[in-house]
Protein backbone atom coordinates (compact mmCIF):
# COMPACT_ATOMS: atom_id res chain seq x y z
CA MET A 1 -38.01 19.78 12.24
CA HIS A 2 -35.20 17.85 10.61
CA ARG A 3 -35.25 17.16 6.90
CA CYS A 4 -33.72 14.41 4.81
CA PRO A 5 -30.57 15.83 3.16
CA VAL A 6 -31.22 13.74 0.02
CA CYS A 7 -34.93 14.25 -0.80
CA ASP A 8 -35.89 16.98 1.71
CA SER A 9 -38.63 14.81 3.19
CA GLY A 10 -39.61 15.21 6.82
CA ASN A 11 -40.84 11.63 6.97
CA PHE A 12 -38.22 9.50 8.67
CA GLY A 13 -37.65 7.08 11.52
CA ARG A 14 -34.99 7.16 14.18
CA THR A 15 -33.04 4.37 15.82
CA LYS A 16 -30.41 4.48 18.55
CA GLU A 17 -27.17 2.61 18.22
CA THR A 18 -24.18 2.19 20.51
CA ARG A 19 -20.79 2.63 18.89
CA SER A 20 -17.59 1.47 20.50
CA MET A 21 -14.47 3.45 19.63
CA SER A 22 -10.82 3.62 20.59
CA LEU A 23 -8.96 6.74 21.44
CA LEU A 24 -5.58 6.29 19.81
CA PRO A 25 -3.03 6.04 21.05
CA TYR A 26 -4.82 4.35 23.86
CA TYR A 27 -3.80 3.10 27.25
CA LYS A 28 -4.36 -0.58 27.97
CA ASN A 29 -6.71 -0.98 24.99
CA GLU A 30 -9.41 1.08 26.64
CA LYS A 31 -12.43 1.78 24.49
CA PHE A 32 -15.33 4.11 24.97
CA SER A 33 -18.91 3.81 23.87
CA VAL A 34 -21.35 6.45 22.74
CA GLU A 35 -25.04 6.15 21.94
CA VAL A 36 -25.85 7.82 18.63
CA ASP A 37 -29.03 8.53 16.69
CA ASN A 38 -29.43 7.06 13.23
CA TYR A 39 -32.18 8.48 11.02
CA ILE A 40 -33.74 6.61 8.11
CA CYS A 41 -35.77 8.50 5.51
CA LEU A 42 -39.00 6.65 4.87
CA GLU A 43 -39.28 8.22 1.40
CA CYS A 44 -35.86 7.57 -0.20
CA GLY A 45 -34.13 5.25 2.30
CA ALA A 46 -31.22 7.58 3.05
CA GLU A 47 -29.58 6.98 6.44
CA GLY A 48 -27.48 9.19 8.65
CA ASP A 49 -27.21 11.79 11.37
CA PHE A 50 -29.74 14.23 9.95
CA ASP A 51 -29.55 16.72 12.82
CA GLY A 52 -25.78 16.60 13.41
CA SER A 53 -26.15 15.70 17.09
CA ASN A 54 -23.84 12.68 16.93
CA ASP A 55 -20.73 14.81 16.38
CA GLU A 56 -21.39 16.68 19.62
CA LYS A 57 -22.01 13.43 21.53
CA ILE A 58 -18.84 11.83 20.19
CA THR A 59 -16.77 14.97 20.91
CA THR A 60 -18.04 15.07 24.50
CA VAL A 61 -17.26 11.41 25.11
CA MET A 62 -13.82 11.77 23.50
CA ARG A 63 -13.05 14.78 25.71
CA GLU A 64 -13.93 12.69 28.77
CA ALA A 65 -11.87 9.76 27.48
CA LYS A 66 -8.87 12.06 26.92
CA ALA A 67 -9.20 13.34 30.49
CA ASP A 68 -9.19 9.74 31.75
CA ARG A 69 -6.20 9.01 29.52
CA ALA A 70 -4.34 11.99 30.97
CA VAL A 71 -4.80 10.60 34.48
CA ALA A 72 -3.51 7.21 33.32
CA ILE A 73 -0.49 8.84 31.64
CA LEU A 74 0.29 10.78 34.83
CA ASP A 75 0.28 7.42 36.62
CA CYS A 76 2.75 6.15 34.01
CA LEU A 77 4.98 9.16 34.67
CA LYS A 78 4.89 8.53 38.43
CA HIS A 79 5.84 4.92 37.83
CA LEU A 80 8.72 5.95 35.55
CA GLU A 81 9.97 8.41 38.19
CA HIS A 82 10.22 5.45 40.57
CA TYR A 83 12.83 4.11 38.13
CA LYS A 84 14.67 7.46 38.02
CA LEU A 85 13.15 8.48 34.68
CA SER A 86 11.82 11.93 35.50
CA PRO A 87 9.71 13.89 33.03
CA ILE A 88 12.53 16.39 32.45
CA PHE A 89 15.00 13.54 31.88
CA ILE A 90 12.62 11.97 29.36
CA CYS A 91 12.17 15.30 27.56
CA LEU A 92 15.90 15.99 27.34
CA THR A 93 16.66 12.43 26.31
CA PHE A 94 14.17 12.37 23.45
CA GLY A 95 14.80 15.94 22.30
CA LEU A 96 11.47 17.36 23.43
CA PRO A 97 11.27 21.06 24.33
CA PRO A 98 12.02 21.62 28.04
CA ASP A 99 8.58 23.13 28.70
CA THR A 100 6.99 19.80 27.69
CA ALA A 101 7.50 18.42 31.21
CA LYS A 102 5.57 21.41 32.59
CA LYS A 103 2.73 20.78 30.13
CA TRP A 104 2.57 17.15 31.23
CA LYS A 105 2.04 18.22 34.83
CA GLU A 106 -0.91 20.27 33.54
CA LYS A 107 -2.30 17.13 31.81
CA GLN A 108 -1.51 18.38 28.31
CA PHE A 109 -0.21 15.64 26.03
CA THR A 110 0.09 15.35 22.27
CA ASP A 111 -0.75 11.95 20.81
CA ALA A 112 2.92 11.44 19.89
CA GLU A 113 3.99 12.15 23.49
CA VAL A 114 1.40 9.71 24.79
CA ALA A 115 2.70 7.05 22.40
CA LEU A 116 6.28 7.68 23.55
CA LEU A 117 5.35 7.49 27.23
CA ILE A 118 3.29 4.31 26.77
CA ILE A 119 6.13 2.61 24.88
CA LEU A 120 8.62 3.70 27.52
CA TYR A 121 6.32 2.63 30.36
CA GLU A 122 5.57 -0.79 28.83
CA SER A 123 9.28 -1.34 28.12
CA VAL A 124 10.26 -0.57 31.71
CA VAL A 125 7.45 -2.66 33.20
CA ASN A 126 8.17 -5.67 30.99
CA ASP A 127 11.97 -5.56 31.02
CA LYS A 128 13.75 -4.07 34.02
CA ASN A 129 17.11 -4.44 32.21
CA ILE A 130 16.01 -1.87 29.65
CA LEU A 131 16.67 0.85 32.23
CA SER A 132 20.41 0.24 32.19
CA ASP A 133 20.29 0.03 28.40
CA ILE A 134 18.52 3.41 28.22
CA ARG A 135 20.98 5.01 30.63
CA ASN A 136 24.01 3.52 28.81
CA LEU A 137 22.71 4.67 25.46
CA LEU A 138 21.96 8.19 26.59
CA MET A 139 24.70 9.02 29.01
């Protein structure tokens, strides 16, 4: 049985609440939702996640959201390759370790790499002339 962490009472109520969160950096403003339990002590009025189950729920949903994000980022990479911006070219251009391109193929991205790829992708999609600017700057 769960106990109130403030007054040690076992007399509490439980409500469910849906929280909407962003996984940053995100792709196309996608958000994810998770249903969490909120306990309210009927003795002292303390509120919270008395059994710690919300952390596990949020972690699971975030893991799934990151997997979805990885698929979206791989789509970005494919689109950039269409414009002759290969993963290895991107890595060399921005001073990333050469094995980074291999990690990307295995769907392993740091948040900074995701941010870089999203900025690059959005720049290319919104301004085709930026490609020649990138090539002129880097060559």
